Amino acid sequence: MGCLLMLFSLITPRLIMVVLWLFTDYLSRAFGSFFWPFLGFLFLPTTTMAYAVAENAYHGVHGWGLAIVIAGVVIDFGLLGGGGRALGRRARD
């Protein structure tokens, strides 16, 4: 059950980014090129989505926009760290 939840949490931000890229211009309004959203898609998808929300809804990364981007970073690193912690736990058992 934990592996399924981890897989779902890793796929969801990427799936949302693909849907936004296909059907809206939300990501292109936040980023100037295709390069940064692509890197974000590969490495830090929640942070990339948080940055897009901050740029589009809060007019930049300041105030509440900064809080949203920080939350995205914490979520991304929490997902990455949680997976590594579970792997280490399995290796010891």
PDB file of N, CA and C in Angstrom:
ATOM      1  N   MET A   1       0.820  -1.193   0.000  1.00  0.00           N
ATOM      2  CA  MET A   1       0.000   0.000   0.000  1.00  0.00           C
ATOM      3  C   MET A   1       0.867   1.263   0.000  1.00  0.00           C
ATOM      4  N   GLY A   2       1.966   1.228   0.751  1.00  0.00           N
ATOM      5  CA  GLY A   2       2.853   2.386   0.812  1.00  0.00           C
ATOM      6  C   GLY A   2       3.518   2.671  -0.523  1.00  0.00           C
ATOM      7  N   CYS A   3       3.866   1.604  -1.250  1.00  0.00           N
ATOM      8  CA  CYS A   3       4.488   1.790  -2.571  1.00  0.00           C
ATOM      9  C   CYS A   3       3.502   2.402  -3.551  1.00  0.00           C
ATOM     10  N   LEU A   4       2.249   1.992  -3.463  1.00  0.00           N
ATOM     11  CA  LEU A   4       1.224   2.546  -4.345  1.00  0.00           C
ATOM     12  C   LEU A   4       1.002   4.029  -4.050  1.00  0.00           C
ATOM     13  N   LEU A   5       0.976   4.391  -2.786  1.00  0.00           N
ATOM     14  CA  LEU A   5       0.828   5.792  -2.407  1.00  0.00           C
ATOM     15  C   LEU A   5       2.032   6.618  -2.870  1.00  0.00           C
ATOM     16  N   MET A   6       3.221   6.069  -2.738  1.00  0.00           N
ATOM     17  CA  MET A   6       4.429   6.763  -3.188  1.00  0.00           C
ATOM     18  C   MET A   6       4.415   6.949  -4.701  1.00  0.00           C
ATOM     19  N   LEU A   7       4.031   5.930  -5.433  1.00  0.00           N
ATOM     20  CA  LEU A   7       3.946   6.016  -6.888  1.00  0.00           C
ATOM     21  C   LEU A   7       2.921   7.059  -7.312  1.00  0.00           C
ATOM     22  N   PHE A   8       1.776   7.084  -6.664  1.00  0.00           N
ATOM     23  CA  PHE A   8       0.737   8.064  -6.962  1.00  0.00           C
ATOM     24  C   PHE A   8       1.218   9.486  -6.680  1.00  0.00           C
ATOM     25  N   SER A   9       1.934   9.674  -5.576  1.00  0.00           N
ATOM     26  CA  SER A   9       2.419  11.013  -5.231  1.00  0.00           C
ATOM     27  C   SER A   9       3.510  11.496  -6.179  1.00  0.00           C
ATOM     28  N   LEU A  10       4.257  10.583  -6.776  1.00  0.00           N
ATOM     29  CA  LEU A  10       5.278  10.975  -7.740  1.00  0.00           C
ATOM     30  C   LEU A  10       4.694  11.264  -9.120  1.00  0.00           C
ATOM     31  N   ILE A  11       3.619  10.583  -9.490  1.00  0.00           N
ATOM     32  CA  ILE A  11       3.036  10.739 -10.819  1.00  0.00           C
ATOM     33  C   ILE A  11       2.084  11.927 -10.903  1.00  0.00           C
ATOM     34  N   THR A  12       1.363  12.249  -9.863  1.00  0.00           N
ATOM     35  CA  THR A  12       0.316  13.268  -9.906  1.00  0.00           C
ATOM     36  C   THR A  12       0.800  14.640 -10.375  1.00  0.00           C
ATOM     37  N   PRO A  13       1.868  15.236  -9.833  1.00  0.00           N
ATOM     38  CA  PRO A  13       2.277  16.555 -10.332  1.00  0.00           C
ATOM     39  C   PRO A  13       2.689  16.527 -11.801  1.00  0.00           C
ATOM     40  N   ARG A  14       3.307  15.459 -12.214  1.00  0.00           N
ATOM     41  CA  ARG A  14       3.716  15.345 -13.617  1.00  0.00           C
ATOM     42  C   ARG A  14       2.502  15.217 -14.528  1.00  0.00           C
ATOM     43  N   LEU A  15       1.510  14.468 -14.098  1.00  0.00           N
ATOM     44  CA  LEU A  15       0.286  14.328 -14.875  1.00  0.00           C
ATOM     45  C   LEU A  15      -0.432  15.672 -15.003  1.00  0.00           C
ATOM     46  N   ILE A  16      -0.483  16.431 -13.927  1.00  0.00           N
ATOM     47  CA  ILE A  16      -1.099  17.762 -13.963  1.00  0.00           C
ATOM     48  C   ILE A  16      -0.338  18.676 -14.914  1.00  0.00           C
ATOM     49  N   MET A  17       0.988  18.599 -14.903  1.00  0.00           N
ATOM     50  CA  MET A  17       1.783  19.436 -15.808  1.00  0.00           C
ATOM     51  C   MET A  17       1.522  19.081 -17.272  1.00  0.00           C
ATOM     52  N   VAL A  18       1.385  17.812 -17.573  1.00  0.00           N
ATOM     53  CA  VAL A  18       1.099  17.396 -18.952  1.00  0.00           C
ATOM     54  C   VAL A  18      -0.269  17.905 -19.387  1.00  0.00           C
ATOM     55  N   VAL A  19      -1.264  17.786 -18.520  1.00  0.00           N
ATOM     56  CA  VAL A  19      -2.610  18.269 -18.853  1.00  0.00           C
ATOM     57  C   VAL A  19      -2.600  19.784 -19.064  1.00  0.00           C
ATOM     58  N   LEU A  20      -1.917  20.517 -18.192  1.00  0.00           N
ATOM     59  CA  LEU A  20      -1.825  21.967 -18.359  1.00  0.00           C
ATOM     60  C   LEU A  20      -1.093  22.345 -19.644  1.00  0.00           C
ATOM     61  N   TRP A  21      -0.046  21.617 -19.969  1.00  0.00           N
ATOM     62  CA  TRP A  21       0.720  21.910 -21.180  1.00  0.00           C
ATOM     63  C   TRP A  21      -0.113  21.647 -22.436  1.00  0.00           C
ATOM     64  N   LEU A  22      -0.917  20.565 -22.414  1.00  0.00           N
ATOM     65  CA  LEU A  22      -1.707  20.217 -23.588  1.00  0.00           C
ATOM     66  C   LEU A  22      -2.912  21.128 -23.804  1.00  0.00           C
ATOM     67  N   PHE A  23      -3.568  21.546 -22.730  1.00  0.00           N
ATOM     68  CA  PHE A  23      -4.855  22.214 -22.874  1.00  0.00           C
ATOM     69  C   PHE A  23      -4.883  23.693 -22.499  1.00  0.00           C
ATOM     70  N   THR A  24      -3.814  24.215 -21.894  1.00  0.00           N
ATOM     71  CA  THR A  24      -3.812  25.632 -21.497  1.00  0.00           C
ATOM     72  C   THR A  24      -2.456  26.258 -21.817  1.00  0.00           C
ATOM     73  N   ASP A  25      -2.356  27.553 -21.556  1.00  0.00           N
ATOM     74  CA  ASP A  25      -1.060  28.236 -21.669  1.00  0.00           C
ATOM     75  C   ASP A  25      -0.549  28.668 -20.300  1.00  0.00           C
ATOM     76  N   TYR A  26      -1.000  27.987 -19.249  1.00  0.00           N
ATOM     77  CA  TYR A  26      -0.664  28.341 -17.870  1.00  0.00           C
ATOM     78  C   TYR A  26       0.838  28.283 -17.618  1.00  0.00           C
ATOM     79  N   LEU A  27       1.486  27.226 -18.076  1.00  0.00           N
ATOM     80  CA  LEU A  27       2.926  27.087 -17.858  1.00  0.00           C
ATOM     81  C   LEU A  27       3.725  28.048 -18.723  1.00  0.00           C
ATOM     82  N   SER A  28       3.277  28.293 -19.936  1.00  0.00           N
ATOM     83  CA  SER A  28       4.028  29.201 -20.812  1.00  0.00           C
ATOM     84  C   SER A  28       3.937  30.645 -20.336  1.00  0.00           C
ATOM     85  N   ARG A  29       2.857  31.000 -19.631  1.00  0.00           N
ATOM     86  CA  ARG A  29       2.770  32.349 -19.062  1.00  0.00           C
ATOM     87  C   ARG A  29       3.733  32.521 -17.895  1.00  0.00           C
ATOM     88  N   ALA A  30       4.042  31.448 -17.195  1.00  0.00           N
ATOM     89  CA  ALA A  30       4.923  31.532 -16.029  1.00  0.00           C
ATOM     90  C   ALA A  30       6.398  31.442 -16.407  1.00  0.00           C
ATOM     91  N   PHE A  31       6.700  30.676 -17.443  1.00  0.00           N
ATOM     92  CA  PHE A  31       8.088  30.447 -17.840  1.00  0.00           C
ATOM     93  C   PHE A  31       8.319  31.050 -19.214  1.00  0.00           C
ATOM     94  N   GLY A  32       9.519  31.529 -19.450  1.00  0.00           N
ATOM     95  CA  GLY A  32       9.836  32.148 -20.724  1.00  0.00           C
ATOM     96  C   GLY A  32      10.174  31.165 -21.827  1.00  0.00           C
ATOM     97  N   SER A  33      10.608  29.967 -21.455  1.00  0.00           N
ATOM     98  CA  SER A  33      11.005  28.993 -22.460  1.00  0.00           C
ATOM     99  C   SER A  33      10.501  27.611 -22.051  1.00  0.00           C
ATOM    100  N   PHE A  34      10.790  26.638 -22.885  1.00  0.00           N
ATOM    101  CA  PHE A  34      10.398  25.256 -22.612  1.00  0.00           C
ATOM    102  C   PHE A  34      11.413  24.551 -21.707  1.00  0.00           C
ATOM    103  N   PHE A  35      12.612  25.074 -21.612  1.00  0.00           N
ATOM    104  CA  PHE A  35      13.711  24.426 -20.903  1.00  0.00           C
ATOM    105  C   PHE A  35      13.428  24.240 -19.409  1.00  0.00           C
ATOM    106  N   TRP A  36      13.051  25.313 -18.709  1.00  0.00           N
ATOM    107  CA  TRP A  36      12.851  25.237 -17.254  1.00  0.00           C
ATOM    108  C   TRP A  36      11.670  24.361 -16.856  1.00  0.00           C
ATOM    109  N   PRO A  37      10.525  24.458 -17.527  1.00  0.00           N
ATOM    110  CA  PRO A  37       9.446  23.523 -17.160  1.00  0.00           C
ATOM    111  C   PRO A  37       9.808  22.061 -17.424  1.00  0.00           C
ATOM    112  N   PHE A  38      10.604  21.818 -18.476  1.00  0.00           N
ATOM    113  CA  PHE A  38      11.020  20.445 -18.762  1.00  0.00           C
ATOM    114  C   PHE A  38      11.930  19.912 -17.651  1.00  0.00           C
ATOM    115  N   LEU A  39      12.894  20.719 -17.214  1.00  0.00           N
ATOM    116  CA  LEU A  39      13.744  20.299 -16.089  1.00  0.00           C
ATOM    117  C   LEU A  39      12.919  20.106 -14.818  1.00  0.00           C
ATOM    118  N   GLY A  40      11.966  21.003 -14.598  1.00  0.00           N
ATOM    119  CA  GLY A  40      11.091  20.855 -13.445  1.00  0.00           C
ATOM    120  C   GLY A  40      10.253  19.596 -13.518  1.00  0.00           C
ATOM    121  N   PHE A  41       9.793  19.256 -14.712  1.00  0.00           N
ATOM    122  CA  PHE A  41       9.027  18.027 -14.911  1.00  0.00           C
ATOM    123  C   PHE A  41       9.854  16.808 -14.524  1.00  0.00           C
ATOM    124  N   LEU A  42      11.122  16.823 -14.864  1.00  0.00           N
ATOM    125  CA  LEU A  42      11.983  15.679 -14.577  1.00  0.00           C
ATOM    126  C   LEU A  42      12.394  15.589 -13.109  1.00  0.00           C
ATOM    127  N   PHE A  43      12.741  16.726 -12.487  1.00  0.00           N
ATOM    128  CA  PHE A  43      13.373  16.683 -11.174  1.00  0.00           C
ATOM    129  C   PHE A  43      12.504  17.184 -10.017  1.00  0.00           C
ATOM    130  N   LEU A  44      11.855  18.326 -10.147  1.00  0.00           N
ATOM    131  CA  LEU A  44      11.066  18.911  -9.055  1.00  0.00           C
ATOM    132  C   LEU A  44       9.702  19.374  -9.575  1.00  0.00           C
ATOM    133  N   PRO A  45       8.789  18.450  -9.850  1.00  0.00           N
ATOM    134  CA  PRO A  45       7.518  18.845 -10.465  1.00  0.00           C
ATOM    135  C   PRO A  45       6.612  19.681  -9.566  1.00  0.00           C
ATOM    136  N   THR A  46       6.578  19.401  -8.279  1.00  0.00           N
ATOM    137  CA  THR A  46       5.711  20.181  -7.389  1.00  0.00           C
ATOM    138  C   THR A  46       6.223  21.605  -7.253  1.00  0.00           C
ATOM    139  N   THR A  47       7.518  21.788  -7.196  1.00  0.00           N
ATOM    140  CA  THR A  47       8.105  23.121  -7.140  1.00  0.00           C
ATOM    141  C   THR A  47       7.821  23.883  -8.431  1.00  0.00           C
ATOM    142  N   THR A  48       7.897  23.209  -9.558  1.00  0.00           N
ATOM    143  CA  THR A  48       7.598  23.842 -10.842  1.00  0.00           C
ATOM    144  C   THR A  48       6.152  24.300 -10.897  1.00  0.00           C
ATOM    145  N   MET A  49       5.244  23.457 -10.430  1.00  0.00           N
ATOM    146  CA  MET A  49       3.827  23.842 -10.396  1.00  0.00           C
ATOM    147  C   MET A  49       3.600  24.997  -9.421  1.00  0.00           C
ATOM    148  N   ALA A  50       4.276  24.960  -8.286  1.00  0.00           N
ATOM    149  CA  ALA A  50       4.133  26.034  -7.309  1.00  0.00           C
ATOM    150  C   ALA A  50       4.637  27.358  -7.874  1.00  0.00           C
ATOM    151  N   TYR A  51       5.737  27.314  -8.613  1.00  0.00           N
ATOM    152  CA  TYR A  51       6.250  28.531  -9.244  1.00  0.00           C
ATOM    153  C   TYR A  51       5.266  29.065 -10.275  1.00  0.00           C
ATOM    154  N   ALA A  52       4.657  28.182 -11.057  1.00  0.00           N
ATOM    155  CA  ALA A  52       3.670  28.612 -12.051  1.00  0.00           C
ATOM    156  C   ALA A  52       2.467  29.263 -11.373  1.00  0.00           C
ATOM    157  N   VAL A  53       2.024  28.706 -10.270  1.00  0.00           N
ATOM    158  CA  VAL A  53       0.906  29.304  -9.524  1.00  0.00           C
ATOM    159  C   VAL A  53       1.308  30.665  -8.971  1.00  0.00           C
ATOM    160  N   ALA A  54       2.521  30.756  -8.419  1.00  0.00           N
ATOM    161  CA  ALA A  54       2.988  32.031  -7.855  1.00  0.00           C
ATOM    162  C   ALA A  54       3.070  33.104  -8.931  1.00  0.00           C
ATOM    163  N   GLU A  55       3.573  32.759 -10.099  1.00  0.00           N
ATOM    164  CA  GLU A  55       3.697  33.736 -11.187  1.00  0.00           C
ATOM    165  C   GLU A  55       2.335  34.153 -11.736  1.00  0.00           C
ATOM    166  N   ASN A  56       1.436  33.203 -11.911  1.00  0.00           N
ATOM    167  CA  ASN A  56       0.143  33.504 -12.532  1.00  0.00           C
ATOM    168  C   ASN A  56      -0.875  34.089 -11.564  1.00  0.00           C
ATOM    169  N   ALA A  57      -0.950  33.581 -10.370  1.00  0.00           N
ATOM    170  CA  ALA A  57      -1.990  34.013  -9.434  1.00  0.00           C
ATOM    171  C   ALA A  57      -1.532  35.135  -8.498  1.00  0.00           C
ATOM    172  N   TYR A  58      -0.245  35.161  -8.142  1.00  0.00           N
ATOM    173  CA  TYR A  58       0.242  36.131  -7.168  1.00  0.00           C
ATOM    174  C   TYR A  58       1.234  37.126  -7.755  1.00  0.00           C
ATOM    175  N   HIS A  59       1.394  37.123  -9.064  1.00  0.00           N
ATOM    176  CA  HIS A  59       2.230  38.092  -9.789  1.00  0.00           C
ATOM    177  C   HIS A  59       3.682  38.080  -9.331  1.00  0.00           C
ATOM    178  N   GLY A  60       4.222  36.899  -9.111  1.00  0.00           N
ATOM    179  CA  GLY A  60       5.630  36.789  -8.783  1.00  0.00           C
ATOM    180  C   GLY A  60       5.891  36.022  -7.505  1.00  0.00           C
ATOM    181  N   VAL A  61       7.162  35.800  -7.255  1.00  0.00           N
ATOM    182  CA  VAL A  61       7.584  35.027  -6.091  1.00  0.00           C
ATOM    183  C   VAL A  61       7.927  35.992  -4.966  1.00  0.00           C
ATOM    184  N   HIS A  62       6.908  36.544  -4.372  1.00  0.00           N
ATOM    185  CA  HIS A  62       7.049  37.379  -3.181  1.00  0.00           C
ATOM    186  C   HIS A  62       5.752  37.275  -2.402  1.00  0.00           C
ATOM    187  N   GLY A  63       5.829  37.425  -1.112  1.00  0.00           N
ATOM    188  CA  GLY A  63       4.632  37.295  -0.274  1.00  0.00           C
ATOM    189  C   GLY A  63       4.109  35.867  -0.293  1.00  0.00           C
ATOM    190  N   TRP A  64       2.804  35.731  -0.599  1.00  0.00           N
ATOM    191  CA  TRP A  64       2.180  34.414  -0.642  1.00  0.00           C
ATOM    192  C   TRP A  64       2.756  33.548  -1.748  1.00  0.00           C
ATOM    193  N   GLY A  65       3.187  34.144  -2.834  1.00  0.00           N
ATOM    194  CA  GLY A  65       3.820  33.383  -3.904  1.00  0.00           C
ATOM    195  C   GLY A  65       5.081  32.680  -3.425  1.00  0.00           C
ATOM    196  N   LEU A  66       5.880  33.382  -2.629  1.00  0.00           N
ATOM    197  CA  LEU A  66       7.092  32.781  -2.066  1.00  0.00           C
ATOM    198  C   LEU A  66       6.737  31.635  -1.123  1.00  0.00           C
ATOM    199  N   ALA A  67       5.695  31.804  -0.324  1.00  0.00           N
ATOM    200  CA  ALA A  67       5.267  30.746   0.596  1.00  0.00           C
ATOM    201  C   ALA A  67       4.837  29.500  -0.182  1.00  0.00           C
ATOM    202  N   ILE A  68       4.171  29.687  -1.311  1.00  0.00           N
ATOM    203  CA  ILE A  68       3.734  28.551  -2.124  1.00  0.00           C
ATOM    204  C   ILE A  68       4.940  27.836  -2.739  1.00  0.00           C
ATOM    205  N   VAL A  69       5.922  28.587  -3.223  1.00  0.00           N
ATOM    206  CA  VAL A  69       7.114  27.967  -3.803  1.00  0.00           C
ATOM    207  C   VAL A  69       7.896  27.212  -2.730  1.00  0.00           C
ATOM    208  N   ILE A  70       8.025  27.761  -1.551  1.00  0.00           N
ATOM    209  CA  ILE A  70       8.719  27.069  -0.455  1.00  0.00           C
ATOM    210  C   ILE A  70       7.983  25.782  -0.091  1.00  0.00           C
ATOM    211  N   ALA A  71       6.647  25.828  -0.065  1.00  0.00           N
ATOM    212  CA  ALA A  71       5.873  24.617   0.209  1.00  0.00           C
ATOM    213  C   ALA A  71       6.114  23.569  -0.872  1.00  0.00           C
ATOM    214  N   GLY A  72       6.224  23.989  -2.132  1.00  0.00           N
ATOM    215  CA  GLY A  72       6.517  23.058  -3.219  1.00  0.00           C
ATOM    216  C   GLY A  72       7.869  22.397  -3.063  1.00  0.00           C
ATOM    217  N   VAL A  73       8.865  23.175  -2.671  1.00  0.00           N
ATOM    218  CA  VAL A  73      10.208  22.620  -2.444  1.00  0.00           C
ATOM    219  C   VAL A  73      10.179  21.611  -1.302  1.00  0.00           C
ATOM    220  N   VAL A  74       9.501  21.946  -0.218  1.00  0.00           N
ATOM    221  CA  VAL A  74       9.419  21.039   0.936  1.00  0.00           C
ATOM    222  C   VAL A  74       8.709  19.742   0.550  1.00  0.00           C
ATOM    223  N   ILE A  75       7.640  19.845  -0.223  1.00  0.00           N
ATOM    224  CA  ILE A  75       6.923  18.640  -0.655  1.00  0.00           C
ATOM    225  C   ILE A  75       7.805  17.780  -1.551  1.00  0.00           C
ATOM    226  N   ASP A  76       8.482  18.406  -2.524  1.00  0.00           N
ATOM    227  CA  ASP A  76       9.358  17.639  -3.413  1.00  0.00           C
ATOM    228  C   ASP A  76      10.461  16.928  -2.647  1.00  0.00           C
ATOM    229  N   PHE A  77      11.152  17.639  -1.769  1.00  0.00           N
ATOM    230  CA  PHE A  77      12.232  17.003  -1.018  1.00  0.00           C
ATOM    231  C   PHE A  77      11.699  16.003  -0.008  1.00  0.00           C
ATOM    232  N   GLY A  78      10.500  16.220   0.490  1.00  0.00           N
ATOM    233  CA  GLY A  78       9.880  15.240   1.380  1.00  0.00           C
ATOM    234  C   GLY A  78       9.560  13.947   0.667  1.00  0.00           C
ATOM    235  N   LEU A  79       9.079  14.056  -0.578  1.00  0.00           N
ATOM    236  CA  LEU A  79       8.805  12.852  -1.357  1.00  0.00           C
ATOM    237  C   LEU A  79      10.092  12.105  -1.678  1.00  0.00           C
ATOM    238  N   LEU A  80      11.128  12.840  -2.061  1.00  0.00           N
ATOM    239  CA  LEU A  80      12.405  12.203  -2.386  1.00  0.00           C
ATOM    240  C   LEU A  80      13.037  11.588  -1.145  1.00  0.00           C
ATOM    241  N   GLY A  81      13.013  12.311  -0.042  1.00  0.00           N
ATOM    242  CA  GLY A  81      13.601  11.805   1.199  1.00  0.00           C
ATOM    243  C   GLY A  81      12.832  10.643   1.778  1.00  0.00           C
ATOM    244  N   GLY A  82      11.516  10.672   1.673  1.00  0.00           N
ATOM    245  CA  GLY A  82      10.702   9.573   2.179  1.00  0.00           C
ATOM    246  C   GLY A  82      10.971   8.284   1.439  1.00  0.00           C
ATOM    247  N   GLY A  83      11.174   8.365   0.126  1.00  0.00           N
ATOM    248  CA  GLY A  83      11.486   7.171  -0.654  1.00  0.00           C
ATOM    249  C   GLY A  83      12.832   6.608  -0.292  1.00  0.00           C
ATOM    250  N   GLY A  84      13.818   7.447  -0.081  1.00  0.00           N
ATOM    251  CA  GLY A  84      15.146   6.995   0.315  1.00  0.00           C
ATOM    252  C   GLY A  84      15.144   6.392   1.705  1.00  0.00           C
ATOM    253  N   ARG A  85      14.368   6.964   2.594  1.00  0.00           N
ATOM    254  CA  ARG A  85      14.281   6.450   3.954  1.00  0.00           C
ATOM    255  C   ARG A  85      13.644   5.060   3.957  1.00  0.00           C
ATOM    256  N   ALA A  86      12.596   4.867   3.150  1.00  0.00           N
ATOM    257  CA  ALA A  86      11.941   3.566   3.079  1.00  0.00           C
ATOM    258  C   ALA A  86      12.872   2.529   2.462  1.00  0.00           C
ATOM    259  N   LEU A  87      13.652   2.920   1.466  1.00  0.00           N
ATOM    260  CA  LEU A  87      14.599   2.006   0.840  1.00  0.00           C
ATOM    261  C   LEU A  87      15.669   1.566   1.838  1.00  0.00           C
ATOM    262  N   GLY A  88      16.168   2.503   2.632  1.00  0.00           N
ATOM    263  CA  GLY A  88      17.158   2.173   3.642  1.00  0.00           C
ATOM    264  C   GLY A  88      16.596   1.253   4.716  1.00  0.00           C
ATOM    265  N   ARG A  89      15.342   1.461   5.069  1.00  0.00           N
ATOM    266  CA  ARG A  89      14.683   0.618   6.064  1.00  0.00           C
ATOM    267  C   ARG A  89      14.538  -0.812   5.538  1.00  0.00           C
ATOM    268  N   ARG A  90      14.189  -0.940   4.256  1.00  0.00           N
ATOM    269  CA  ARG A  90      14.035  -2.279   3.662  1.00  0.00           C
ATOM    270  C   ARG A  90      15.377  -2.990   3.570  1.00  0.00           C
ATOM    271  N   ALA A  91      16.448  -2.264   3.309  1.00  0.00           N
ATOM    272  CA  ALA A  91      17.772  -2.869   3.172  1.00  0.00           C
ATOM    273  C   ALA A  91      18.260  -3.411   4.521  1.00  0.00           C
ATOM    274  N   ARG A  92      17.899  -2.770   5.621  1.00  0.00           N
ATOM    275  CA  ARG A  92      18.312  -3.234   6.952  1.00  0.00           C
ATOM    276  C   ARG A  92      17.539  -4.471   7.380  1.00  0.00           C
ATOM    277  N   ASP A  93      16.279  -4.589   6.951  1.00  0.00           N
ATOM    278  CA  ASP A  93      15.449  -5.715   7.404  1.00  0.00           C
ATOM    279  C   ASP A  93      15.757  -6.973   6.710  1.00  0.00           C
TER     280      ASP A  93
END
